[in-house]
Amino acid sequence: LETLKEIITSEKYQEILKQIEIYNQEQEEYKKMEDIYKMWMEEEENYDAAYEDGVEHGEKNKTLDIAKNLLKQKVDINTIASATNLSIKEINALR
């Protein structure tokens, strides 16, 4: 565009070149905003996945704590397995 500016001396064409420059700048800004939006969406997806992992981890820990307490109360292992959805092996590992 700089070379065209030097060659074209007509005001009408100079104005057209200005409009082209503005359009190009707008396209660059649009691309930057699009990139920022994509990064934001990826970050949000990562946050959601980390949150879900944390919730799952917390639920599993709570279930293990309940199973430990039931073992201390001498509750039958099969009953604990049924109530907590833990395997017999997982419950035995808590002893």
C-alpha atoms as a PDB file:
ATOM      1  CA  LEU A   1       0.000   0.000   0.000  1.00  0.00           C
ATOM      2  CA  GLU A   2       2.849   2.399   0.701  1.00  0.00           C
ATOM      3  CA  THR A   3       4.108   2.031  -2.871  1.00  0.00           C
ATOM      4  CA  LEU A   4       0.614   2.677  -4.213  1.00  0.00           C
ATOM      5  CA  LYS A   5       0.371   5.828  -2.111  1.00  0.00           C
ATOM      6  CA  GLU A   6       3.502   7.149  -3.765  1.00  0.00           C
ATOM      7  CA  ILE A   7       2.291   6.300  -7.263  1.00  0.00           C
ATOM      8  CA  ILE A   8      -1.317   7.421  -6.949  1.00  0.00           C
ATOM      9  CA  THR A   9      -1.687  11.147  -6.627  1.00  0.00           C
ATOM     10  CA  SER A  10      -5.402  11.526  -7.249  1.00  0.00           C
ATOM     11  CA  GLU A  11      -7.314  12.458  -4.090  1.00  0.00           C
ATOM     12  CA  LYS A  12     -10.108  10.066  -5.031  1.00  0.00           C
ATOM     13  CA  TYR A  13      -7.740   7.107  -5.202  1.00  0.00           C
ATOM     14  CA  GLN A  14      -5.886   8.271  -2.095  1.00  0.00           C
ATOM     15  CA  GLU A  15      -9.200   8.114  -0.232  1.00  0.00           C
ATOM     16  CA  ILE A  16      -9.798   4.596  -1.559  1.00  0.00           C
ATOM     17  CA  LEU A  17      -6.361   3.565  -0.285  1.00  0.00           C
ATOM     18  CA  LYS A  18      -7.208   5.027   3.145  1.00  0.00           C
ATOM     19  CA  GLN A  19     -10.387   2.976   3.219  1.00  0.00           C
ATOM     20  CA  ILE A  20      -8.410  -0.149   2.297  1.00  0.00           C
ATOM     21  CA  GLU A  21      -5.986   0.557   5.151  1.00  0.00           C
ATOM     22  CA  ILE A  22      -8.874   0.994   7.588  1.00  0.00           C
ATOM     23  CA  TYR A  23     -10.430  -2.241   6.351  1.00  0.00           C
ATOM     24  CA  ASN A  24      -7.120  -4.090   6.798  1.00  0.00           C
ATOM     25  CA  GLN A  25      -6.731  -2.710  10.310  1.00  0.00           C
ATOM     26  CA  GLU A  26     -10.271  -3.756  11.176  1.00  0.00           C
ATOM     27  CA  GLN A  27      -9.569  -7.256   9.878  1.00  0.00           C
ATOM     28  CA  GLU A  28      -6.407  -7.453  11.991  1.00  0.00           C
ATOM     29  CA  GLU A  29      -8.321  -6.297  15.074  1.00  0.00           C
ATOM     30  CA  TYR A  30     -11.083  -8.798  14.348  1.00  0.00           C
ATOM     31  CA  LYS A  31      -8.505 -11.581  14.077  1.00  0.00           C
ATOM     32  CA  LYS A  32      -6.930 -10.529  17.389  1.00  0.00           C
ATOM     33  CA  MET A  33     -10.327 -10.525  19.100  1.00  0.00           C
ATOM     34  CA  GLU A  34     -11.120 -13.909  17.595  1.00  0.00           C
ATOM     35  CA  ASP A  35      -7.821 -15.302  18.921  1.00  0.00           C
ATOM     36  CA  ILE A  36      -8.526 -13.862  22.377  1.00  0.00           C
ATOM     37  CA  TYR A  37     -11.992 -15.415  22.341  1.00  0.00           C
ATOM     38  CA  LYS A  38     -10.575 -18.820  21.386  1.00  0.00           C
ATOM     39  CA  MET A  39      -8.009 -18.621  24.194  1.00  0.00           C
ATOM     40  CA  TRP A  40     -10.738 -17.634  26.645  1.00  0.00           C
ATOM     41  CA  MET A  41     -12.927 -20.569  25.571  1.00  0.00           C
ATOM     42  CA  GLU A  42     -10.017 -23.007  25.953  1.00  0.00           C
ATOM     43  CA  GLU A  43      -9.264 -21.600  29.397  1.00  0.00           C
ATOM     44  CA  GLU A  44     -12.910 -21.958  30.388  1.00  0.00           C
ATOM     45  CA  GLU A  45     -12.960 -25.568  29.166  1.00  0.00           C
ATOM     46  CA  ASN A  46      -9.829 -26.304  31.197  1.00  0.00           C
ATOM     47  CA  TYR A  47     -11.389 -24.666  34.252  1.00  0.00           C
ATOM     48  CA  ASP A  48     -14.577 -26.713  33.846  1.00  0.00           C
ATOM     49  CA  ALA A  49     -12.594 -29.940  33.499  1.00  0.00           C
ATOM     50  CA  ALA A  50     -10.483 -29.127  36.565  1.00  0.00           C
ATOM     51  CA  TYR A  51     -13.618 -28.288  38.544  1.00  0.00           C
ATOM     52  CA  GLU A  52     -15.256 -31.576  37.572  1.00  0.00           C
ATOM     53  CA  ASP A  53     -12.089 -33.478  38.531  1.00  0.00           C
ATOM     54  CA  GLY A  54     -12.096 -31.720  41.893  1.00  0.00           C
ATOM     55  CA  VAL A  55     -15.736 -32.556  42.507  1.00  0.00           C
ATOM     56  CA  GLU A  56     -15.157 -36.205  41.598  1.00  0.00           C
ATOM     57  CA  HIS A  57     -12.113 -36.365  43.850  1.00  0.00           C
ATOM     58  CA  GLY A  58     -14.064 -34.818  46.721  1.00  0.00           C
ATOM     59  CA  GLU A  59     -16.963 -37.222  46.277  1.00  0.00           C
ATOM     60  CA  LYS A  60     -14.604 -40.197  46.215  1.00  0.00           C
ATOM     61  CA  ASN A  61     -12.872 -39.006  49.408  1.00  0.00           C
ATOM     62  CA  LYS A  62     -16.224 -38.547  51.120  1.00  0.00           C
ATOM     63  CA  THR A  63     -17.271 -42.071  50.115  1.00  0.00           C
ATOM     64  CA  LEU A  64     -13.992 -43.482  51.441  1.00  0.00           C
ATOM     65  CA  ASP A  65     -14.474 -41.616  54.732  1.00  0.00           C
ATOM     66  CA  ILE A  66     -17.968 -43.048  55.097  1.00  0.00           C
ATOM     67  CA  ALA A  67     -16.669 -46.550  54.397  1.00  0.00           C
ATOM     68  CA  LYS A  68     -13.910 -46.096  57.004  1.00  0.00           C
ATOM     69  CA  ASN A  69     -16.455 -45.005  59.594  1.00  0.00           C
ATOM     70  CA  LEU A  70     -18.688 -47.959  58.812  1.00  0.00           C
ATOM     71  CA  LEU A  71     -15.726 -50.313  59.175  1.00  0.00           C
ATOM     72  CA  LYS A  72     -14.994 -48.825  62.597  1.00  0.00           C
ATOM     73  CA  GLN A  73     -18.586 -49.566  63.549  1.00  0.00           C
ATOM     74  CA  LYS A  74     -18.060 -53.205  62.473  1.00  0.00           C
ATOM     75  CA  VAL A  75     -20.608 -52.987  59.654  1.00  0.00           C
ATOM     76  CA  ASP A  76     -20.505 -55.967  57.273  1.00  0.00           C
ATOM     77  CA  ILE A  77     -18.230 -55.395  54.241  1.00  0.00           C
ATOM     78  CA  ASN A  78     -20.945 -56.454  51.785  1.00  0.00           C
ATOM     79  CA  THR A  79     -23.314 -53.895  53.301  1.00  0.00           C
ATOM     80  CA  ILE A  80     -20.649 -51.180  53.014  1.00  0.00           C
ATOM     81  CA  ALA A  81     -19.989 -52.156  49.396  1.00  0.00           C
ATOM     82  CA  SER A  82     -23.692 -51.967  48.611  1.00  0.00           C
ATOM     83  CA  ALA A  83     -24.148 -48.611  50.346  1.00  0.00           C
ATOM     84  CA  THR A  84     -21.048 -46.905  48.912  1.00  0.00           C
ATOM     85  CA  ASN A  85     -20.638 -48.608  45.517  1.00  0.00           C
ATOM     86  CA  LEU A  86     -17.034 -49.386  46.486  1.00  0.00           C
ATOM     87  CA  SER A  87     -15.565 -52.769  45.669  1.00  0.00           C
ATOM     88  CA  ILE A  88     -14.706 -55.243  48.414  1.00  0.00           C
ATOM     89  CA  LYS A  89     -11.062 -54.766  47.435  1.00  0.00           C
ATOM     90  CA  GLU A  90     -11.310 -50.983  47.904  1.00  0.00           C
ATOM     91  CA  ILE A  91     -12.960 -51.434  51.290  1.00  0.00           C
ATOM     92  CA  ASN A  92     -10.369 -53.969  52.445  1.00  0.00           C
ATOM     93  CA  ALA A  93      -7.645 -51.492  51.455  1.00  0.00           C
ATOM     94  CA  LEU A  94      -9.078 -49.055  53.996  1.00  0.00           C
ATOM     95  CA  ARG A  95      -8.368 -51.366  56.940  1.00  0.00           C
END
